[in-house]
């Protein structure tokens, strides 16, 4: 009985420890559904485009973000390099900002991408603060990162404003081999 009580207390403590993390986005094993965003950078600039549709079974990272900031830039810069390093695996990465005013955000995104040297990661805007309905993104999440391969989610991370730092960026990057099959 005492062991059962200790176990229950540990489970309750873990639930409280993770209660602060927003639950946002698809869960492992789920299939990412198609959605289109107006693209601000890259070859599809100015078009409404669906990267999910062209990704098929390739490994991919999709980042849903609400604001342009330097911490997000660190993550995207690192993933920009990872795209080059994982060409053989066909790694795809893109960022989708959730903002109802694509026209006013577009020049800020272009400037931000240029400032941080982002070349391999296209960036777009979905004019819906809630994101694609099937993704169930939390409004509490400033950033939601979904990693998937073979049309199945492998990992998901979400952070409130100012929660994502260097340690979290490093953890996300450590997860890439799970979808690229590299070490």
C-alpha atoms as a PDB file:
ATOM      1  CA  UNK A   1       0.000   0.000   0.000  1.00  0.00           C
ATOM      2  CA  UNK A   2       2.826   2.359   0.930  1.00  0.00           C
ATOM      3  CA  UNK A   3       4.519   1.741  -2.464  1.00  0.00           C
ATOM      4  CA  UNK A   4       1.240   2.443  -4.272  1.00  0.00           C
ATOM      5  CA  UNK A   5       0.831   5.704  -2.358  1.00  0.00           C
ATOM      6  CA  UNK A   6       4.419   6.738  -3.210  1.00  0.00           C
ATOM      7  CA  UNK A   7       3.809   5.945  -6.880  1.00  0.00           C
ATOM      8  CA  UNK A   8       0.582   7.980  -6.907  1.00  0.00           C
ATOM      9  CA  UNK A   9       2.344  10.933  -5.271  1.00  0.00           C
ATOM     10  CA  UNK A  10       5.097  10.800  -7.923  1.00  0.00           C
ATOM     11  CA  UNK A  11       2.532  10.773 -10.746  1.00  0.00           C
ATOM     12  CA  UNK A  12       0.704  13.747  -9.217  1.00  0.00           C
ATOM     13  CA  UNK A  13       4.008  15.616  -8.761  1.00  0.00           C
ATOM     14  CA  UNK A  14       4.972  14.964 -12.400  1.00  0.00           C
ATOM     15  CA  UNK A  15       1.595  16.206 -13.608  1.00  0.00           C
ATOM     16  CA  UNK A  16       2.063  19.446 -11.684  1.00  0.00           C
ATOM     17  CA  UNK A  17       5.654  19.799 -12.943  1.00  0.00           C
ATOM     18  CA  UNK A  18       4.497  19.621 -16.556  1.00  0.00           C
ATOM     19  CA  UNK A  19       1.227  21.484 -16.071  1.00  0.00           C
ATOM     20  CA  UNK A  20       2.966  24.739 -17.004  1.00  0.00           C
ATOM     21  CA  UNK A  21       3.908  23.487 -20.486  1.00  0.00           C
ATOM     22  CA  UNK A  22       1.162  24.320 -22.951  1.00  0.00           C
ATOM     23  CA  UNK A  23      -0.402  21.361 -24.735  1.00  0.00           C
ATOM     24  CA  UNK A  24      -0.241  22.459 -28.336  1.00  0.00           C
ATOM     25  CA  UNK A  25      -0.211  20.709 -31.676  1.00  0.00           C
ATOM     26  CA  UNK A  26      -0.370  17.173 -32.915  1.00  0.00           C
ATOM     27  CA  UNK A  27       0.709  14.277 -30.709  1.00  0.00           C
ATOM     28  CA  UNK A  28       3.165  11.529 -31.676  1.00  0.00           C
ATOM     29  CA  UNK A  29       1.589   9.043 -34.042  1.00  0.00           C
ATOM     30  CA  UNK A  30      -0.879  11.546 -35.504  1.00  0.00           C
ATOM     31  CA  UNK A  31      -0.795  12.535 -39.160  1.00  0.00           C
ATOM     32  CA  UNK A  32      -0.145  16.185 -40.047  1.00  0.00           C
ATOM     33  CA  UNK A  33      -2.942  17.512 -42.234  1.00  0.00           C
ATOM     34  CA  UNK A  34      -2.534  19.878 -45.162  1.00  0.00           C
ATOM     35  CA  UNK A  35      -2.831  23.643 -44.756  1.00  0.00           C
ATOM     36  CA  UNK A  36      -1.784  26.600 -46.885  1.00  0.00           C
ATOM     37  CA  UNK A  37      -0.046  29.794 -45.835  1.00  0.00           C
ATOM     38  CA  UNK A  38       1.004  32.858 -47.802  1.00  0.00           C
ATOM     39  CA  UNK A  39       4.768  32.498 -48.225  1.00  0.00           C
ATOM     40  CA  UNK A  40       7.012  35.460 -47.363  1.00  0.00           C
ATOM     41  CA  UNK A  41      10.453  34.007 -48.191  1.00  0.00           C
ATOM     42  CA  UNK A  42      11.789  31.386 -50.556  1.00  0.00           C
ATOM     43  CA  UNK A  43      10.873  30.257 -54.072  1.00  0.00           C
ATOM     44  CA  UNK A  44       7.116  30.284 -53.351  1.00  0.00           C
ATOM     45  CA  UNK A  45       7.129  33.908 -52.088  1.00  0.00           C
ATOM     46  CA  UNK A  46       3.772  35.615 -52.586  1.00  0.00           C
ATOM     47  CA  UNK A  47       1.893  32.353 -53.166  1.00  0.00           C
ATOM     48  CA  UNK A  48      -0.499  30.428 -50.985  1.00  0.00           C
ATOM     49  CA  UNK A  49       1.372  27.166 -50.599  1.00  0.00           C
ATOM     50  CA  UNK A  50       1.092  23.836 -48.728  1.00  0.00           C
ATOM     51  CA  UNK A  51       4.432  22.358 -47.668  1.00  0.00           C
ATOM     52  CA  UNK A  52       2.725  19.375 -46.058  1.00  0.00           C
ATOM     53  CA  UNK A  53       1.367  18.435 -49.492  1.00  0.00           C
ATOM     54  CA  UNK A  54       4.816  18.270 -51.068  1.00  0.00           C
ATOM     55  CA  UNK A  55       6.637  16.674 -48.131  1.00  0.00           C
ATOM     56  CA  UNK A  56       5.097  13.171 -48.452  1.00  0.00           C
ATOM     57  CA  UNK A  57       7.210  10.680 -46.452  1.00  0.00           C
ATOM     58  CA  UNK A  58      10.259  12.926 -46.050  1.00  0.00           C
ATOM     59  CA  UNK A  59      11.377  14.106 -42.606  1.00  0.00           C
ATOM     60  CA  UNK A  60      10.073  17.538 -41.687  1.00  0.00           C
ATOM     61  CA  UNK A  61       9.955  20.153 -38.971  1.00  0.00           C
ATOM     62  CA  UNK A  62       7.150  22.688 -38.925  1.00  0.00           C
ATOM     63  CA  UNK A  63       7.316  25.623 -36.565  1.00  0.00           C
ATOM     64  CA  UNK A  64       4.189  27.570 -35.683  1.00  0.00           C
ATOM     65  CA  UNK A  65       5.073  30.942 -34.152  1.00  0.00           C
ATOM     66  CA  UNK A  66       3.207  34.043 -33.077  1.00  0.00           C
ATOM     67  CA  UNK A  67       5.974  36.686 -33.004  1.00  0.00           C
ATOM     68  CA  UNK A  68       9.276  37.385 -34.710  1.00  0.00           C
ATOM     69  CA  UNK A  69      12.081  37.302 -32.120  1.00  0.00           C
ATOM     70  CA  UNK A  70      15.764  36.495 -31.653  1.00  0.00           C
ATOM     71  CA  UNK A  71      15.272  33.207 -29.773  1.00  0.00           C
ATOM     72  CA  UNK A  72      13.138  31.872 -32.598  1.00  0.00           C
ATOM     73  CA  UNK A  73      15.847  33.082 -34.982  1.00  0.00           C
ATOM     74  CA  UNK A  74      18.433  30.902 -33.167  1.00  0.00           C
ATOM     75  CA  UNK A  75      16.249  27.849 -33.663  1.00  0.00           C
ATOM     76  CA  UNK A  76      15.527  28.629 -37.312  1.00  0.00           C
ATOM     77  CA  UNK A  77      19.210  29.379 -38.034  1.00  0.00           C
ATOM     78  CA  UNK A  78      20.174  26.007 -36.562  1.00  0.00           C
ATOM     79  CA  UNK A  79      17.496  24.228 -38.561  1.00  0.00           C
ATOM     80  CA  UNK A  80      18.574  26.159 -41.675  1.00  0.00           C
ATOM     81  CA  UNK A  81      22.025  24.559 -41.274  1.00  0.00           C
ATOM     82  CA  UNK A  82      20.436  21.172 -40.561  1.00  0.00           C
ATOM     83  CA  UNK A  83      18.621  21.295 -43.920  1.00  0.00           C
ATOM     84  CA  UNK A  84      22.018  21.568 -45.641  1.00  0.00           C
ATOM     85  CA  UNK A  85      23.522  18.822 -43.470  1.00  0.00           C
ATOM     86  CA  UNK A  86      20.574  16.457 -44.088  1.00  0.00           C
ATOM     87  CA  UNK A  87      20.091  16.852 -47.839  1.00  0.00           C
ATOM     88  CA  UNK A  88      20.483  13.106 -48.343  1.00  0.00           C
ATOM     89  CA  UNK A  89      17.600  12.457 -45.931  1.00  0.00           C
ATOM     90  CA  UNK A  90      15.509  15.151 -47.665  1.00  0.00           C
ATOM     91  CA  UNK A  91      14.879  17.156 -44.465  1.00  0.00           C
ATOM     92  CA  UNK A  92      12.237  19.860 -44.875  1.00  0.00           C
ATOM     93  CA  UNK A  93      11.750  22.743 -42.458  1.00  0.00           C
ATOM     94  CA  UNK A  94       9.398  25.721 -42.606  1.00  0.00           C
ATOM     95  CA  UNK A  95       7.981  28.363 -40.294  1.00  0.00           C
ATOM     96  CA  UNK A  96       4.331  29.413 -40.227  1.00  0.00           C
ATOM     97  CA  UNK A  97       3.509  32.603 -38.363  1.00  0.00           C
ATOM     98  CA  UNK A  98      -0.049  32.806 -37.040  1.00  0.00           C
ATOM     99  CA  UNK A  99      -1.230  36.358 -37.614  1.00  0.00           C
ATOM    100  CA  UNK A 100      -4.462  37.806 -39.016  1.00  0.00           C
ATOM    101  CA  UNK A 101      -2.560  40.581 -40.860  1.00  0.00           C
ATOM    102  CA  UNK A 102      -0.221  38.934 -43.374  1.00  0.00           C
ATOM    103  CA  UNK A 103       0.372  42.167 -45.295  1.00  0.00           C
ATOM    104  CA  UNK A 104       1.840  44.067 -42.344  1.00  0.00           C
ATOM    105  CA  UNK A 105       3.855  41.087 -41.058  1.00  0.00           C
ATOM    106  CA  UNK A 106       5.377  40.150 -44.425  1.00  0.00           C
ATOM    107  CA  UNK A 107       8.062  42.903 -44.587  1.00  0.00           C
ATOM    108  CA  UNK A 108       9.058  42.213 -40.961  1.00  0.00           C
ATOM    109  CA  UNK A 109       9.516  38.518 -41.765  1.00  0.00           C
ATOM    110  CA  UNK A 110      11.614  39.283 -44.846  1.00  0.00           C
ATOM    111  CA  UNK A 111      13.842  41.663 -42.861  1.00  0.00           C
ATOM    112  CA  UNK A 112      14.128  39.161 -39.968  1.00  0.00           C
ATOM    113  CA  UNK A 113      15.086  36.305 -42.311  1.00  0.00           C
ATOM    114  CA  UNK A 114      17.705  38.451 -44.059  1.00  0.00           C
ATOM    115  CA  UNK A 115      19.136  39.737 -40.764  1.00  0.00           C
ATOM    116  CA  UNK A 116      19.593  36.174 -39.494  1.00  0.00           C
ATOM    117  CA  UNK A 117      20.792  34.665 -42.777  1.00  0.00           C
ATOM    118  CA  UNK A 118      17.912  32.216 -43.140  1.00  0.00           C
ATOM    119  CA  UNK A 119      18.139  30.759 -46.639  1.00  0.00           C
ATOM    120  CA  UNK A 120      16.868  27.141 -46.611  1.00  0.00           C
ATOM    121  CA  UNK A 121      13.787  27.570 -44.438  1.00  0.00           C
ATOM    122  CA  UNK A 122      10.759  29.176 -46.096  1.00  0.00           C
ATOM    123  CA  UNK A 123       8.600  31.347 -43.896  1.00  0.00           C
ATOM    124  CA  UNK A 124       4.913  32.081 -44.341  1.00  0.00           C
ATOM    125  CA  UNK A 125       1.875  33.537 -42.628  1.00  0.00           C
ATOM    126  CA  UNK A 126      -1.401  31.803 -41.899  1.00  0.00           C
ATOM    127  CA  UNK A 127      -4.038  34.463 -41.330  1.00  0.00           C
ATOM    128  CA  UNK A 128      -5.634  32.610 -38.441  1.00  0.00           C
ATOM    129  CA  UNK A 129      -4.466  33.126 -34.845  1.00  0.00           C
ATOM    130  CA  UNK A 130      -5.648  29.599 -33.974  1.00  0.00           C
ATOM    131  CA  UNK A 131      -3.661  27.921 -36.763  1.00  0.00           C
ATOM    132  CA  UNK A 132      -4.902  25.008 -38.864  1.00  0.00           C
ATOM    133  CA  UNK A 133      -7.923  23.539 -37.006  1.00  0.00           C
ATOM    134  CA  UNK A 134      -6.738  19.923 -37.108  1.00  0.00           C
ATOM    135  CA  UNK A 135      -3.452  20.880 -35.391  1.00  0.00           C
ATOM    136  CA  UNK A 136      -5.161  22.092 -32.188  1.00  0.00           C
ATOM    137  CA  UNK A 137      -2.589  24.767 -31.414  1.00  0.00           C
ATOM    138  CA  UNK A 138      -2.869  26.415 -28.022  1.00  0.00           C
ATOM    139  CA  UNK A 139      -3.183  30.186 -27.861  1.00  0.00           C
ATOM    140  CA  UNK A 140      -0.910  29.937 -24.802  1.00  0.00           C
ATOM    141  CA  UNK A 141       1.921  28.590 -26.957  1.00  0.00           C
ATOM    142  CA  UNK A 142       4.169  31.255 -28.448  1.00  0.00           C
ATOM    143  CA  UNK A 143       5.963  28.560 -30.448  1.00  0.00           C
ATOM    144  CA  UNK A 144       4.913  25.003 -31.344  1.00  0.00           C
ATOM    145  CA  UNK A 145       7.424  22.724 -33.073  1.00  0.00           C
ATOM    146  CA  UNK A 146       6.249  19.501 -34.733  1.00  0.00           C
ATOM    147  CA  UNK A 147       8.699  16.903 -36.092  1.00  0.00           C
ATOM    148  CA  UNK A 148       7.380  14.192 -38.385  1.00  0.00           C
ATOM    149  CA  UNK A 149       8.445  11.586 -40.926  1.00  0.00           C
ATOM    150  CA  UNK A 150       6.469   9.182 -43.113  1.00  0.00           C
ATOM    151  CA  UNK A 151       3.389  11.296 -42.401  1.00  0.00           C
ATOM    152  CA  UNK A 152       3.511  10.550 -38.653  1.00  0.00           C
ATOM    153  CA  UNK A 153       4.390  12.962 -35.866  1.00  0.00           C
ATOM    154  CA  UNK A 154       7.454  11.818 -33.923  1.00  0.00           C
ATOM    155  CA  UNK A 155       7.880  14.718 -31.482  1.00  0.00           C
ATOM    156  CA  UNK A 156       6.158  17.923 -30.445  1.00  0.00           C
ATOM    157  CA  UNK A 157       7.354  20.818 -28.274  1.00  0.00           C
ATOM    158  CA  UNK A 158       5.487  23.963 -27.256  1.00  0.00           C
ATOM    159  CA  UNK A 159       6.631  27.012 -25.341  1.00  0.00           C
ATOM    160  CA  UNK A 160       4.982  30.079 -23.891  1.00  0.00           C
ATOM    161  CA  UNK A 161       6.490  33.518 -24.432  1.00  0.00           C
ATOM    162  CA  UNK A 162      10.074  33.670 -23.089  1.00  0.00           C
ATOM    163  CA  UNK A 163      10.151  29.926 -22.230  1.00  0.00           C
ATOM    164  CA  UNK A 164      12.242  28.834 -25.205  1.00  0.00           C
ATOM    165  CA  UNK A 165      15.944  29.377 -24.698  1.00  0.00           C
ATOM    166  CA  UNK A 166      19.245  27.829 -25.741  1.00  0.00           C
ATOM    167  CA  UNK A 167      18.611  24.609 -23.778  1.00  0.00           C
ATOM    168  CA  UNK A 168      15.252  24.068 -25.493  1.00  0.00           C
ATOM    169  CA  UNK A 169      16.744  24.799 -28.923  1.00  0.00           C
ATOM    170  CA  UNK A 170      19.478  22.224 -28.215  1.00  0.00           C
ATOM    171  CA  UNK A 171      16.858  19.608 -27.214  1.00  0.00           C
ATOM    172  CA  UNK A 172      14.906  20.172 -30.415  1.00  0.00           C
ATOM    173  CA  UNK A 173      18.071  19.778 -32.485  1.00  0.00           C
ATOM    174  CA  UNK A 174      18.914  16.553 -30.609  1.00  0.00           C
ATOM    175  CA  UNK A 175      15.552  15.177 -31.796  1.00  0.00           C
ATOM    176  CA  UNK A 176      16.389  15.548 -35.505  1.00  0.00           C
ATOM    177  CA  UNK A 177      18.036  12.094 -35.860  1.00  0.00           C
ATOM    178  CA  UNK A 178      14.676  10.580 -34.843  1.00  0.00           C
ATOM    179  CA  UNK A 179      13.255  11.772 -38.163  1.00  0.00           C
ATOM    180  CA  UNK A 180      16.334  11.876 -40.421  1.00  0.00           C
ATOM    181  CA  UNK A 181      17.720   8.473 -39.454  1.00  0.00           C
ATOM    182  CA  UNK A 182      21.183   9.994 -38.940  1.00  0.00           C
ATOM    183  CA  UNK A 183      23.340  10.023 -35.822  1.00  0.00           C
END
